[in-house]
mmCIF file of all heavy atoms, coordinates in Angstrom:
data_MODEL
# 
_entry.id   MODEL 
# 
loop_
_atom_site.group_PDB 
_atom_site.id 
_atom_site.type_symbol 
_atom_site.label_atom_id 
_atom_site.label_alt_id 
_atom_site.label_comp_id 
_atom_site.label_asym_id 
_atom_site.label_entity_id 
_atom_site.label_seq_id 
_atom_site.pdbx_PDB_ins_code 
_atom_site.Cartn_x 
_atom_site.Cartn_y 
_atom_site.Cartn_z 
_atom_site.occupancy 
_atom_site.B_iso_or_equiv 
_atom_site.pdbx_formal_charge 
_atom_site.auth_seq_id 
_atom_site.auth_comp_id 
_atom_site.auth_asym_id 
_atom_site.auth_atom_id 
_atom_site.pdbx_PDB_model_num 
ATOM 1   N N   . HIS A 1 1  ? 0.816  -1.236  0.003  1.00 0.00 ? 1  HIS A N   1 
ATOM 2   C CA  . HIS A 1 1  ? 0.014  -0.033  0.006  1.00 0.00 ? 1  HIS A CA  1 
ATOM 3   C C   . HIS A 1 1  ? 0.852  1.288   -0.006 1.00 0.00 ? 1  HIS A C   1 
ATOM 4   O O   . HIS A 1 1  ? 1.768  1.315   0.733  1.00 0.00 ? 1  HIS A O   1 
ATOM 5   C CB  . HIS A 1 1  ? -0.891 0.010   1.224  1.00 0.00 ? 1  HIS A CB  1 
ATOM 6   C CG  . HIS A 1 1  ? -1.846 -1.139  1.267  1.00 0.00 ? 1  HIS A CG  1 
ATOM 7   N ND1 . HIS A 1 1  ? -2.897 -1.316  0.404  1.00 0.00 ? 1  HIS A ND1 1 
ATOM 8   C CD2 . HIS A 1 1  ? -1.884 -2.295  2.075  1.00 0.00 ? 1  HIS A CD2 1 
ATOM 9   C CE1 . HIS A 1 1  ? -3.486 -2.398  0.701  1.00 0.00 ? 1  HIS A CE1 1 
ATOM 10  N NE2 . HIS A 1 1  ? -2.927 -3.023  1.700  1.00 0.00 ? 1  HIS A NE2 1 
ATOM 11  N N   . ARG A 1 2  ? 0.528  2.167   -0.829 1.00 0.00 ? 2  ARG A N   1 
ATOM 12  C CA  . ARG A 1 2  ? 1.337  3.451   -0.979 1.00 0.00 ? 2  ARG A CA  1 
ATOM 13  C C   . ARG A 1 2  ? 0.513  4.615   -0.272 1.00 0.00 ? 2  ARG A C   1 
ATOM 14  O O   . ARG A 1 2  ? 1.118  5.634   -0.084 1.00 0.00 ? 2  ARG A O   1 
ATOM 15  C CB  . ARG A 1 2  ? 1.681  3.766   -2.407 1.00 0.00 ? 2  ARG A CB  1 
ATOM 16  C CG  . ARG A 1 2  ? 2.447  2.738   -3.028 1.00 0.00 ? 2  ARG A CG  1 
ATOM 17  C CD  . ARG A 1 2  ? 3.864  2.630   -2.477 1.00 0.00 ? 2  ARG A CD  1 
ATOM 18  N NE  . ARG A 1 2  ? 4.562  1.611   -3.209 1.00 0.00 ? 2  ARG A NE  1 
ATOM 19  C CZ  . ARG A 1 2  ? 5.362  0.752   -2.631 1.00 0.00 ? 2  ARG A CZ  1 
ATOM 20  N NH1 . ARG A 1 2  ? 5.368  0.656   -1.345 1.00 0.00 ? 2  ARG A NH1 1 
ATOM 21  N NH2 . ARG A 1 2  ? 5.985  -0.145  -3.288 1.00 0.00 ? 2  ARG A NH2 1 
ATOM 22  N N   . ARG A 1 3  ? -0.743 4.479   0.041  1.00 0.00 ? 3  ARG A N   1 
ATOM 23  C CA  . ARG A 1 3  ? -1.565 5.515   0.594  1.00 0.00 ? 3  ARG A CA  1 
ATOM 24  C C   . ARG A 1 3  ? -1.681 5.293   2.029  1.00 0.00 ? 3  ARG A C   1 
ATOM 25  O O   . ARG A 1 3  ? -2.148 4.294   2.445  1.00 0.00 ? 3  ARG A O   1 
ATOM 26  C CB  . ARG A 1 3  ? -2.875 5.638   -0.070 1.00 0.00 ? 3  ARG A CB  1 
ATOM 27  C CG  . ARG A 1 3  ? -2.849 5.890   -1.598 1.00 0.00 ? 3  ARG A CG  1 
ATOM 28  C CD  . ARG A 1 3  ? -4.232 5.990   -2.205 1.00 0.00 ? 3  ARG A CD  1 
ATOM 29  N NE  . ARG A 1 3  ? -5.252 5.210   -1.644 1.00 0.00 ? 3  ARG A NE  1 
ATOM 30  C CZ  . ARG A 1 3  ? -5.569 3.926   -1.950 1.00 0.00 ? 3  ARG A CZ  1 
ATOM 31  N NH1 . ARG A 1 3  ? -4.842 3.355   -2.917 1.00 0.00 ? 3  ARG A NH1 1 
ATOM 32  N NH2 . ARG A 1 3  ? -6.541 3.304   -1.315 1.00 0.00 ? 3  ARG A NH2 1 
ATOM 33  N N   . PRO A 1 4  ? -1.361 6.305   2.887  1.00 0.00 ? 4  PRO A N   1 
ATOM 34  C CA  . PRO A 1 4  ? -1.429 6.088   4.368  1.00 0.00 ? 4  PRO A CA  1 
ATOM 35  C C   . PRO A 1 4  ? -2.848 5.847   4.782  1.00 0.00 ? 4  PRO A C   1 
ATOM 36  O O   . PRO A 1 4  ? -3.201 5.163   5.687  1.00 0.00 ? 4  PRO A O   1 
ATOM 37  C CB  . PRO A 1 4  ? -0.996 7.416   4.887  1.00 0.00 ? 4  PRO A CB  1 
ATOM 38  C CG  . PRO A 1 4  ? -0.128 8.023   3.875  1.00 0.00 ? 4  PRO A CG  1 
ATOM 39  C CD  . PRO A 1 4  ? -0.683 7.550   2.575  1.00 0.00 ? 4  PRO A CD  1 
ATOM 40  N N   . SER A 1 5  ? -3.837 6.276   4.000  1.00 0.00 ? 5  SER A N   1 
ATOM 41  C CA  . SER A 1 5  ? -5.260 6.064   4.382  1.00 0.00 ? 5  SER A CA  1 
ATOM 42  C C   . SER A 1 5  ? -5.636 4.565   4.228  1.00 0.00 ? 5  SER A C   1 
ATOM 43  O O   . SER A 1 5  ? -6.502 4.112   4.810  1.00 0.00 ? 5  SER A O   1 
ATOM 44  C CB  . SER A 1 5  ? -6.166 6.874   3.477  1.00 0.00 ? 5  SER A CB  1 
ATOM 45  O OG  . SER A 1 5  ? -5.949 6.539   2.078  1.00 0.00 ? 5  SER A OG  1 
ATOM 46  N N   . ALA A 1 6  ? -4.889 3.863   3.487  1.00 0.00 ? 6  ALA A N   1 
ATOM 47  C CA  . ALA A 1 6  ? -5.098 2.387   3.319  1.00 0.00 ? 6  ALA A CA  1 
ATOM 48  C C   . ALA A 1 6  ? -4.427 1.540   4.449  1.00 0.00 ? 6  ALA A C   1 
ATOM 49  O O   . ALA A 1 6  ? -4.552 0.378   4.403  1.00 0.00 ? 6  ALA A O   1 
ATOM 50  C CB  . ALA A 1 6  ? -4.454 2.030   1.926  1.00 0.00 ? 6  ALA A CB  1 
ATOM 51  N N   . LEU A 1 7  ? -3.676 2.232   5.315  1.00 0.00 ? 7  LEU A N   1 
ATOM 52  C CA  . LEU A 1 7  ? -3.016 1.506   6.363  1.00 0.00 ? 7  LEU A CA  1 
ATOM 53  C C   . LEU A 1 7  ? -3.595 2.003   7.704  1.00 0.00 ? 7  LEU A C   1 
ATOM 54  O O   . LEU A 1 7  ? -3.000 2.858   8.381  1.00 0.00 ? 7  LEU A O   1 
ATOM 55  C CB  . LEU A 1 7  ? -1.505 1.882   6.306  1.00 0.00 ? 7  LEU A CB  1 
ATOM 56  C CG  . LEU A 1 7  ? -0.834 1.389   5.015  1.00 0.00 ? 7  LEU A CG  1 
ATOM 57  C CD1 . LEU A 1 7  ? 0.568  1.883   5.080  1.00 0.00 ? 7  LEU A CD1 1 
ATOM 58  C CD2 . LEU A 1 7  ? -0.825 -0.034  4.925  1.00 0.00 ? 7  LEU A CD2 1 
ATOM 59  N N   . PRO A 1 8  ? -4.776 1.480   8.142  1.00 0.00 ? 8  PRO A N   1 
ATOM 60  C CA  . PRO A 1 8  ? -5.336 1.942   9.403  1.00 0.00 ? 8  PRO A CA  1 
ATOM 61  C C   . PRO A 1 8  ? -4.523 1.483   10.560 1.00 0.00 ? 8  PRO A C   1 
ATOM 62  O O   . PRO A 1 8  ? -3.945 0.361   10.601 1.00 0.00 ? 8  PRO A O   1 
ATOM 63  C CB  . PRO A 1 8  ? -6.785 1.262   9.359  1.00 0.00 ? 8  PRO A CB  1 
ATOM 64  C CG  . PRO A 1 8  ? -6.539 0.059   8.557  1.00 0.00 ? 8  PRO A CG  1 
ATOM 65  C CD  . PRO A 1 8  ? -5.549 0.448   7.543  1.00 0.00 ? 8  PRO A CD  1 
ATOM 66  N N   . ALA A 1 9  ? -4.462 2.311   11.639 1.00 0.00 ? 9  ALA A N   1 
ATOM 67  C CA  . ALA A 1 9  ? -3.775 1.904   12.907 1.00 0.00 ? 9  ALA A CA  1 
ATOM 68  C C   . ALA A 1 9  ? -4.574 0.852   13.562 1.00 0.00 ? 9  ALA A C   1 
ATOM 69  O O   . ALA A 1 9  ? -5.802 0.951   13.629 1.00 0.00 ? 9  ALA A O   1 
ATOM 70  C CB  . ALA A 1 9  ? -3.629 3.086   13.708 1.00 0.00 ? 9  ALA A CB  1 
ATOM 71  N N   . LEU A 1 10 ? -3.870 -0.150  14.137 1.00 0.00 ? 10 LEU A N   1 
ATOM 72  C CA  . LEU A 1 10 ? -4.626 -1.187  14.877 1.00 0.00 ? 10 LEU A CA  1 
ATOM 73  C C   . LEU A 1 10 ? -4.053 -1.228  16.312 1.00 0.00 ? 10 LEU A C   1 
ATOM 74  O O   . LEU A 1 10 ? -2.820 -0.946  16.502 1.00 0.00 ? 10 LEU A O   1 
ATOM 75  C CB  . LEU A 1 10 ? -4.335 -2.577  14.228 1.00 0.00 ? 10 LEU A CB  1 
ATOM 76  C CG  . LEU A 1 10 ? -4.954 -2.639  12.813 1.00 0.00 ? 10 LEU A CG  1 
ATOM 77  C CD1 . LEU A 1 10 ? -4.487 -4.036  12.165 1.00 0.00 ? 10 LEU A CD1 1 
ATOM 78  C CD2 . LEU A 1 10 ? -6.407 -2.613  12.841 1.00 0.00 ? 10 LEU A CD2 1 
ATOM 79  N N   . PRO A 1 11 ? -4.827 -1.514  17.344 1.00 0.00 ? 11 PRO A N   1 
ATOM 80  C CA  . PRO A 1 11 ? -4.323 -1.546  18.684 1.00 0.00 ? 11 PRO A CA  1 
ATOM 81  C C   . PRO A 1 11 ? -3.500 -2.734  18.871 1.00 0.00 ? 11 PRO A C   1 
ATOM 82  O O   . PRO A 1 11 ? -3.722 -3.856  18.286 1.00 0.00 ? 11 PRO A O   1 
ATOM 83  C CB  . PRO A 1 11 ? -5.588 -1.707  19.488 1.00 0.00 ? 11 PRO A CB  1 
ATOM 84  C CG  . PRO A 1 11 ? -6.637 -2.246  18.574 1.00 0.00 ? 11 PRO A CG  1 
ATOM 85  C CD  . PRO A 1 11 ? -6.266 -1.795  17.200 1.00 0.00 ? 11 PRO A CD  1 
ATOM 86  N N   . CYS A 1 12 ? -2.373 -2.639  19.624 1.00 0.00 ? 12 CYS A N   1 
ATOM 87  C CA  . CYS A 1 12 ? -1.479 -3.775  19.888 1.00 0.00 ? 12 CYS A CA  1 
ATOM 88  C C   . CYS A 1 12 ? -1.177 -3.775  21.367 1.00 0.00 ? 12 CYS A C   1 
ATOM 89  O O   . CYS A 1 12 ? -1.577 -2.876  22.107 1.00 0.00 ? 12 CYS A O   1 
ATOM 90  C CB  . CYS A 1 12 ? -0.133 -3.506  19.092 1.00 0.00 ? 12 CYS A CB  1 
ATOM 91  S SG  . CYS A 1 12 ? -0.308 -3.663  17.340 1.00 0.00 ? 12 CYS A SG  1 
ATOM 92  N N   . GLU A 1 13 ? -0.482 -4.792  21.774 1.00 0.00 ? 13 GLU A N   1 
ATOM 93  C CA  . GLU A 1 13 ? -0.062 -5.042  23.165 1.00 0.00 ? 13 GLU A CA  1 
ATOM 94  C C   . GLU A 1 13 ? 0.597  -3.748  23.608 1.00 0.00 ? 13 GLU A C   1 
ATOM 95  O O   . GLU A 1 13 ? 1.561  -3.256  22.952 1.00 0.00 ? 13 GLU A O   1 
ATOM 96  C CB  . GLU A 1 13 ? 0.804  -6.196  23.107 1.00 0.00 ? 13 GLU A CB  1 
ATOM 97  C CG  . GLU A 1 13 ? 1.403  -6.537  24.557 1.00 0.00 ? 13 GLU A CG  1 
ATOM 98  C CD  . GLU A 1 13 ? 0.575  -7.579  25.304 1.00 0.00 ? 13 GLU A CD  1 
ATOM 99  O OE1 . GLU A 1 13 ? -0.252 -8.318  24.626 1.00 0.00 ? 13 GLU A OE1 1 
ATOM 100 O OE2 . GLU A 1 13 ? 0.669  -7.633  26.479 1.00 0.00 ? 13 GLU A OE2 1 
ATOM 101 N N   . THR A 1 14 ? 0.192  -3.255  24.787 1.00 0.00 ? 14 THR A N   1 
ATOM 102 C CA  . THR A 1 14 ? 0.846  -2.031  25.383 1.00 0.00 ? 14 THR A CA  1 
ATOM 103 C C   . THR A 1 14 ? 2.144  -2.392  26.161 1.00 0.00 ? 14 THR A C   1 
ATOM 104 O O   . THR A 1 14 ? 2.915  -1.531  26.396 1.00 0.00 ? 14 THR A O   1 
ATOM 105 C CB  . THR A 1 14 ? -0.140 -1.304  26.317 1.00 0.00 ? 14 THR A CB  1 
ATOM 106 O OG1 . THR A 1 14 ? -0.547 -2.158  27.331 1.00 0.00 ? 14 THR A OG1 1 
ATOM 107 C CG2 . THR A 1 14 ? -1.308 -0.741  25.456 1.00 0.00 ? 14 THR A CG2 1 
ATOM 108 N N   . HIS A 1 15 ? 2.221  -3.654  26.615 1.00 0.00 ? 15 HIS A N   1 
ATOM 109 C CA  . HIS A 1 15 ? 3.382  -4.150  27.328 1.00 0.00 ? 15 HIS A CA  1 
ATOM 110 C C   . HIS A 1 15 ? 3.995  -5.403  26.809 1.00 0.00 ? 15 HIS A C   1 
ATOM 111 O O   . HIS A 1 15 ? 3.834  -6.402  27.421 1.00 0.00 ? 15 HIS A O   1 
ATOM 112 C CB  . HIS A 1 15 ? 3.091  -4.258  28.810 1.00 0.00 ? 15 HIS A CB  1 
ATOM 113 C CG  . HIS A 1 15 ? 2.562  -3.052  29.483 1.00 0.00 ? 15 HIS A CG  1 
ATOM 114 N ND1 . HIS A 1 15 ? 3.353  -1.948  29.787 1.00 0.00 ? 15 HIS A ND1 1 
ATOM 115 C CD2 . HIS A 1 15 ? 1.306  -2.692  29.842 1.00 0.00 ? 15 HIS A CD2 1 
ATOM 116 C CE1 . HIS A 1 15 ? 2.587  -0.972  30.362 1.00 0.00 ? 15 HIS A CE1 1 
ATOM 117 N NE2 . HIS A 1 15 ? 1.362  -1.466  30.411 1.00 0.00 ? 15 HIS A NE2 1 
ATOM 118 N N   . PRO A 1 16 ? 4.569  -5.383  25.621 1.00 0.00 ? 16 PRO A N   1 
ATOM 119 C CA  . PRO A 1 16 ? 5.123  -6.622  25.111 1.00 0.00 ? 16 PRO A CA  1 
ATOM 120 C C   . PRO A 1 16 ? 6.387  -7.005  25.778 1.00 0.00 ? 16 PRO A C   1 
ATOM 121 O O   . PRO A 1 16 ? 6.950  -6.265  26.535 1.00 0.00 ? 16 PRO A O   1 
ATOM 122 C CB  . PRO A 1 16 ? 5.546  -6.147  23.639 1.00 0.00 ? 16 PRO A CB  1 
ATOM 123 C CG  . PRO A 1 16 ? 5.869  -4.749  23.758 1.00 0.00 ? 16 PRO A CG  1 
ATOM 124 C CD  . PRO A 1 16 ? 4.862  -4.189  24.819 1.00 0.00 ? 16 PRO A CD  1 
ATOM 125 N N   . ALA A 1 17 ? 6.745  -8.309  25.628 1.00 0.00 ? 17 ALA A N   1 
ATOM 126 C CA  . ALA A 1 17 ? 7.910  -8.854  26.281 1.00 0.00 ? 17 ALA A CA  1 
ATOM 127 C C   . ALA A 1 17 ? 9.071  -8.675  25.155 1.00 0.00 ? 17 ALA A C   1 
ATOM 128 O O   . ALA A 1 17 ? 8.872  -8.999  23.999 1.00 0.00 ? 17 ALA A O   1 
ATOM 129 C CB  . ALA A 1 17 ? 7.686  -10.323 26.659 1.00 0.00 ? 17 ALA A CB  1 
ATOM 130 N N   . LEU A 1 18 ? 10.202 -8.250  25.574 1.00 0.00 ? 18 LEU A N   1 
ATOM 131 C CA  . LEU A 1 18 ? 11.417 -8.285  24.773 1.00 0.00 ? 18 LEU A CA  1 
ATOM 132 C C   . LEU A 1 18 ? 12.261 -9.347  25.225 1.00 0.00 ? 18 LEU A C   1 
ATOM 133 O O   . LEU A 1 18 ? 12.624 -9.448  26.379 1.00 0.00 ? 18 LEU A O   1 
ATOM 134 C CB  . LEU A 1 18 ? 12.064 -6.946  24.822 1.00 0.00 ? 18 LEU A CB  1 
ATOM 135 C CG  . LEU A 1 18 ? 11.298 -5.769  24.254 1.00 0.00 ? 18 LEU A CG  1 
ATOM 136 C CD1 . LEU A 1 18 ? 12.177 -4.474  24.411 1.00 0.00 ? 18 LEU A CD1 1 
ATOM 137 C CD2 . LEU A 1 18 ? 11.098 -5.974  22.755 1.00 0.00 ? 18 LEU A CD2 1 
ATOM 138 N N   . VAL A 1 19 ? 12.657 -10.236 24.297 1.00 0.00 ? 19 VAL A N   1 
ATOM 139 C CA  . VAL A 1 19 ? 13.483 -11.439 24.658 1.00 0.00 ? 19 VAL A CA  1 
ATOM 140 C C   . VAL A 1 19 ? 14.671 -11.429 23.862 1.00 0.00 ? 19 VAL A C   1 
ATOM 141 O O   . VAL A 1 19 ? 14.771 -10.971 22.690 1.00 0.00 ? 19 VAL A O   1 
ATOM 142 C CB  . VAL A 1 19 ? 12.687 -12.669 24.250 1.00 0.00 ? 19 VAL A CB  1 
ATOM 143 C CG1 . VAL A 1 19 ? 13.424 -13.968 24.512 1.00 0.00 ? 19 VAL A CG1 1 
ATOM 144 C CG2 . VAL A 1 19 ? 11.294 -12.681 24.935 1.00 0.00 ? 19 VAL A CG2 1 
ATOM 145 N N   . LEU A 1 20 ? 15.849 -11.676 24.549 1.00 0.00 ? 20 LEU A N   1 
ATOM 146 C CA  . LEU A 1 20 ? 17.190 -11.734 23.891 1.00 0.00 ? 20 LEU A CA  1 
ATOM 147 C C   . LEU A 1 20 ? 17.500 -13.188 23.656 1.00 0.00 ? 20 LEU A C   1 
ATOM 148 O O   . LEU A 1 20 ? 17.498 -14.029 24.656 1.00 0.00 ? 20 LEU A O   1 
ATOM 149 C CB  . LEU A 1 20 ? 18.272 -11.157 24.807 1.00 0.00 ? 20 LEU A CB  1 
ATOM 150 C CG  . LEU A 1 20 ? 18.037 -9.700  25.034 1.00 0.00 ? 20 LEU A CG  1 
ATOM 151 C CD1 . LEU A 1 20 ? 19.231 -9.141  25.867 1.00 0.00 ? 20 LEU A CD1 1 
ATOM 152 C CD2 . LEU A 1 20 ? 17.925 -8.819  23.802 1.00 0.00 ? 20 LEU A CD2 1 
ATOM 153 N N   . LEU A 1 21 ? 17.739 -13.637 22.487 1.00 0.00 ? 21 LEU A N   1 
ATOM 154 C CA  . LEU A 1 21 ? 18.193 -14.922 22.129 1.00 0.00 ? 21 LEU A CA  1 
ATOM 155 C C   . LEU A 1 21 ? 19.736 -14.935 22.114 1.00 0.00 ? 21 LEU A C   1 
ATOM 156 O O   . LEU A 1 21 ? 20.318 -14.177 21.296 1.00 0.00 ? 21 LEU A O   1 
ATOM 157 C CB  . LEU A 1 21 ? 17.663 -15.430 20.803 1.00 0.00 ? 21 LEU A CB  1 
ATOM 158 C CG  . LEU A 1 21 ? 18.036 -16.772 20.251 1.00 0.00 ? 21 LEU A CG  1 
ATOM 159 C CD1 . LEU A 1 21 ? 17.545 -17.907 21.230 1.00 0.00 ? 21 LEU A CD1 1 
ATOM 160 C CD2 . LEU A 1 21 ? 17.538 -16.992 18.902 1.00 0.00 ? 21 LEU A CD2 1 
ATOM 161 N N   . ARG A 1 22 ? 20.315 -15.682 22.986 1.00 0.00 ? 22 ARG A N   1 
ATOM 162 C CA  . ARG A 1 22 ? 21.791 -15.573 23.160 1.00 0.00 ? 22 ARG A CA  1 
ATOM 163 C C   . ARG A 1 22 ? 22.482 -16.917 23.030 1.00 0.00 ? 22 ARG A C   1 
ATOM 164 O O   . ARG A 1 22 ? 21.846 -18.013 23.275 1.00 0.00 ? 22 ARG A O   1 
ATOM 165 C CB  . ARG A 1 22 ? 22.135 -15.049 24.558 1.00 0.00 ? 22 ARG A CB  1 
ATOM 166 C CG  . ARG A 1 22 ? 21.718 -13.674 24.795 1.00 0.00 ? 22 ARG A CG  1 
ATOM 167 C CD  . ARG A 1 22 ? 22.081 -13.184 26.142 1.00 0.00 ? 22 ARG A CD  1 
ATOM 168 N NE  . ARG A 1 22 ? 21.975 -11.739 26.310 1.00 0.00 ? 22 ARG A NE  1 
ATOM 169 C CZ  . ARG A 1 22 ? 21.753 -11.128 27.386 1.00 0.00 ? 22 ARG A CZ  1 
ATOM 170 N NH1 . ARG A 1 22 ? 21.737 -11.887 28.506 1.00 0.00 ? 22 ARG A NH1 1 
ATOM 171 N NH2 . ARG A 1 22 ? 21.738 -9.896  27.481 1.00 0.00 ? 22 ARG A NH2 1 
ATOM 172 N N   . THR A 1 23 ? 23.795 -16.899 22.676 1.00 0.00 ? 23 THR A N   1 
ATOM 173 C CA  . THR A 1 23 ? 24.554 -18.174 22.621 1.00 0.00 ? 23 THR A CA  1 
ATOM 174 C C   . THR A 1 23 ? 25.903 -17.801 23.464 1.00 0.00 ? 23 THR A C   1 
ATOM 175 O O   . THR A 1 23 ? 26.260 -16.624 23.598 1.00 0.00 ? 23 THR A O   1 
ATOM 176 C CB  . THR A 1 23 ? 25.016 -18.488 21.179 1.00 0.00 ? 23 THR A CB  1 
ATOM 177 O OG1 . THR A 1 23 ? 25.616 -17.383 20.616 1.00 0.00 ? 23 THR A OG1 1 
ATOM 178 C CG2 . THR A 1 23 ? 23.754 -18.823 20.371 1.00 0.00 ? 23 THR A CG2 1 
ATOM 179 N N   . ALA A 1 24 ? 26.441 -18.867 23.904 1.00 0.00 ? 24 ALA A N   1 
ATOM 180 C CA  . ALA A 1 24 ? 27.725 -18.680 24.674 1.00 0.00 ? 24 ALA A CA  1 
ATOM 181 C C   . ALA A 1 24 ? 28.822 -18.180 23.859 1.00 0.00 ? 24 ALA A C   1 
ATOM 182 O O   . ALA A 1 24 ? 29.709 -17.406 24.355 1.00 0.00 ? 24 ALA A O   1 
ATOM 183 C CB  . ALA A 1 24 ? 28.080 -20.064 25.339 1.00 0.00 ? 24 ALA A CB  1 
ATOM 184 N N   . HIS A 1 25 ? 28.878 -18.568 22.562 1.00 0.00 ? 25 HIS A N   1 
ATOM 185 C CA  . HIS A 1 25 ? 30.024 -18.096 21.711 1.00 0.00 ? 25 HIS A CA  1 
ATOM 186 C C   . HIS A 1 25 ? 29.331 -17.486 20.471 1.00 0.00 ? 25 HIS A C   1 
ATOM 187 O O   . HIS A 1 25 ? 28.122 -17.489 20.298 1.00 0.00 ? 25 HIS A O   1 
ATOM 188 C CB  . HIS A 1 25 ? 30.818 -19.307 21.319 1.00 0.00 ? 25 HIS A CB  1 
ATOM 189 C CG  . HIS A 1 25 ? 31.492 -20.010 22.517 1.00 0.00 ? 25 HIS A CG  1 
ATOM 190 N ND1 . HIS A 1 25 ? 32.434 -19.435 23.248 1.00 0.00 ? 25 HIS A ND1 1 
ATOM 191 C CD2 . HIS A 1 25 ? 31.093 -21.120 23.131 1.00 0.00 ? 25 HIS A CD2 1 
ATOM 192 C CE1 . HIS A 1 25 ? 32.775 -20.303 24.247 1.00 0.00 ? 25 HIS A CE1 1 
ATOM 193 N NE2 . HIS A 1 25 ? 31.960 -21.313 24.178 1.00 0.00 ? 25 HIS A NE2 1 
ATOM 194 N N   . ASP A 1 26 ? 30.204 -17.093 19.565 1.00 0.00 ? 26 ASP A N   1 
ATOM 195 C CA  . ASP A 1 26 ? 29.674 -16.388 18.307 1.00 0.00 ? 26 ASP A CA  1 
ATOM 196 C C   . ASP A 1 26 ? 30.291 -17.025 17.056 1.00 0.00 ? 26 ASP A C   1 
ATOM 197 O O   . ASP A 1 26 ? 30.858 -16.378 16.192 1.00 0.00 ? 26 ASP A O   1 
ATOM 198 C CB  . ASP A 1 26 ? 29.916 -14.842 18.413 1.00 0.00 ? 26 ASP A CB  1 
ATOM 199 C CG  . ASP A 1 26 ? 29.156 -14.037 17.342 1.00 0.00 ? 26 ASP A CG  1 
ATOM 200 O OD1 . ASP A 1 26 ? 27.986 -14.567 17.050 1.00 0.00 ? 26 ASP A OD1 1 
ATOM 201 O OD2 . ASP A 1 26 ? 29.526 -12.979 16.954 1.00 0.00 ? 26 ASP A OD2 1 
ATOM 202 N N   . ARG A 1 27 ? 30.204 -18.256 17.002 1.00 0.00 ? 27 ARG A N   1 
ATOM 203 C CA  . ARG A 1 27 ? 30.807 -19.108 15.951 1.00 0.00 ? 27 ARG A CA  1 
ATOM 204 C C   . ARG A 1 27 ? 29.662 -19.519 15.024 1.00 0.00 ? 27 ARG A C   1 
ATOM 205 O O   . ARG A 1 27 ? 28.416 -19.404 15.283 1.00 0.00 ? 27 ARG A O   1 
ATOM 206 C CB  . ARG A 1 27 ? 31.611 -20.333 16.447 1.00 0.00 ? 27 ARG A CB  1 
ATOM 207 C CG  . ARG A 1 27 ? 32.716 -19.914 17.414 1.00 0.00 ? 27 ARG A CG  1 
ATOM 208 C CD  . ARG A 1 27 ? 33.326 -21.193 18.013 1.00 0.00 ? 27 ARG A CD  1 
ATOM 209 N NE  . ARG A 1 27 ? 32.317 -21.870 18.814 1.00 0.00 ? 27 ARG A NE  1 
ATOM 210 C CZ  . ARG A 1 27 ? 32.527 -22.559 19.975 1.00 0.00 ? 27 ARG A CZ  1 
ATOM 211 N NH1 . ARG A 1 27 ? 33.736 -22.512 20.480 1.00 0.00 ? 27 ARG A NH1 1 
ATOM 212 N NH2 . ARG A 1 27 ? 31.458 -23.126 20.568 1.00 0.00 ? 27 ARG A NH2 1 
ATOM 213 N N   . ARG A 1 28 ? 30.071 -20.049 13.781 1.00 0.00 ? 28 ARG A N   1 
ATOM 214 C CA  . ARG A 1 28 ? 29.073 -20.498 12.886 1.00 0.00 ? 28 ARG A CA  1 
ATOM 215 C C   . ARG A 1 28 ? 28.112 -21.526 13.432 1.00 0.00 ? 28 ARG A C   1 
ATOM 216 O O   . ARG A 1 28 ? 26.865 -21.508 13.229 1.00 0.00 ? 28 ARG A O   1 
ATOM 217 C CB  . ARG A 1 28 ? 29.725 -21.052 11.693 1.00 0.00 ? 28 ARG A CB  1 
ATOM 218 C CG  . ARG A 1 28 ? 30.418 -20.052 10.778 1.00 0.00 ? 28 ARG A CG  1 
ATOM 219 C CD  . ARG A 1 28 ? 30.997 -20.661 9.578  1.00 0.00 ? 28 ARG A CD  1 
ATOM 220 N NE  . ARG A 1 28 ? 31.687 -19.472 8.851  1.00 0.00 ? 28 ARG A NE  1 
ATOM 221 C CZ  . ARG A 1 28 ? 32.155 -19.669 7.623  1.00 0.00 ? 28 ARG A CZ  1 
ATOM 222 N NH1 . ARG A 1 28 ? 31.979 -20.794 6.962  1.00 0.00 ? 28 ARG A NH1 1 
ATOM 223 N NH2 . ARG A 1 28 ? 32.758 -18.707 7.030  1.00 0.00 ? 28 ARG A NH2 1 
ATOM 224 N N   . ALA A 1 29 ? 28.634 -22.505 14.263 1.00 0.00 ? 29 ALA A N   1 
ATOM 225 C CA  . ALA A 1 29 ? 27.764 -23.497 14.894 1.00 0.00 ? 29 ALA A CA  1 
ATOM 226 C C   . ALA A 1 29 ? 26.798 -22.841 15.871 1.00 0.00 ? 29 ALA A C   1 
ATOM 227 O O   . ALA A 1 29 ? 25.633 -23.292 15.975 1.00 0.00 ? 29 ALA A O   1 
ATOM 228 C CB  . ALA A 1 29 ? 28.603 -24.488 15.631 1.00 0.00 ? 29 ALA A CB  1 
ATOM 229 N N   . ASP A 1 30 ? 27.172 -21.766 16.510 1.00 0.00 ? 30 ASP A N   1 
ATOM 230 C CA  . ASP A 1 30 ? 26.287 -21.032 17.469 1.00 0.00 ? 30 ASP A CA  1 
ATOM 231 C C   . ASP A 1 30 ? 25.247 -20.273 16.577 1.00 0.00 ? 30 ASP A C   1 
ATOM 232 O O   . ASP A 1 30 ? 24.061 -20.244 17.035 1.00 0.00 ? 30 ASP A O   1 
ATOM 233 C CB  . ASP A 1 30 ? 27.093 -20.071 18.266 1.00 0.00 ? 30 ASP A CB  1 
ATOM 234 C CG  . ASP A 1 30 ? 28.170 -20.657 19.110 1.00 0.00 ? 30 ASP A CG  1 
ATOM 235 O OD1 . ASP A 1 30 ? 27.779 -21.564 19.862 1.00 0.00 ? 30 ASP A OD1 1 
ATOM 236 O OD2 . ASP A 1 30 ? 29.333 -20.379 18.898 1.00 0.00 ? 30 ASP A OD2 1 
# 
C-alpha cells in the first residue's frame, strides 16, 4: 500500500515482552 489512508492503525499490546536470544559463543555453529 502506498496511501497512508489504506493503512489503518490497529491496537497492539501495550506491554510486550522483549526477549534476547543468546549463545555462549559467536561461531558458525552457534
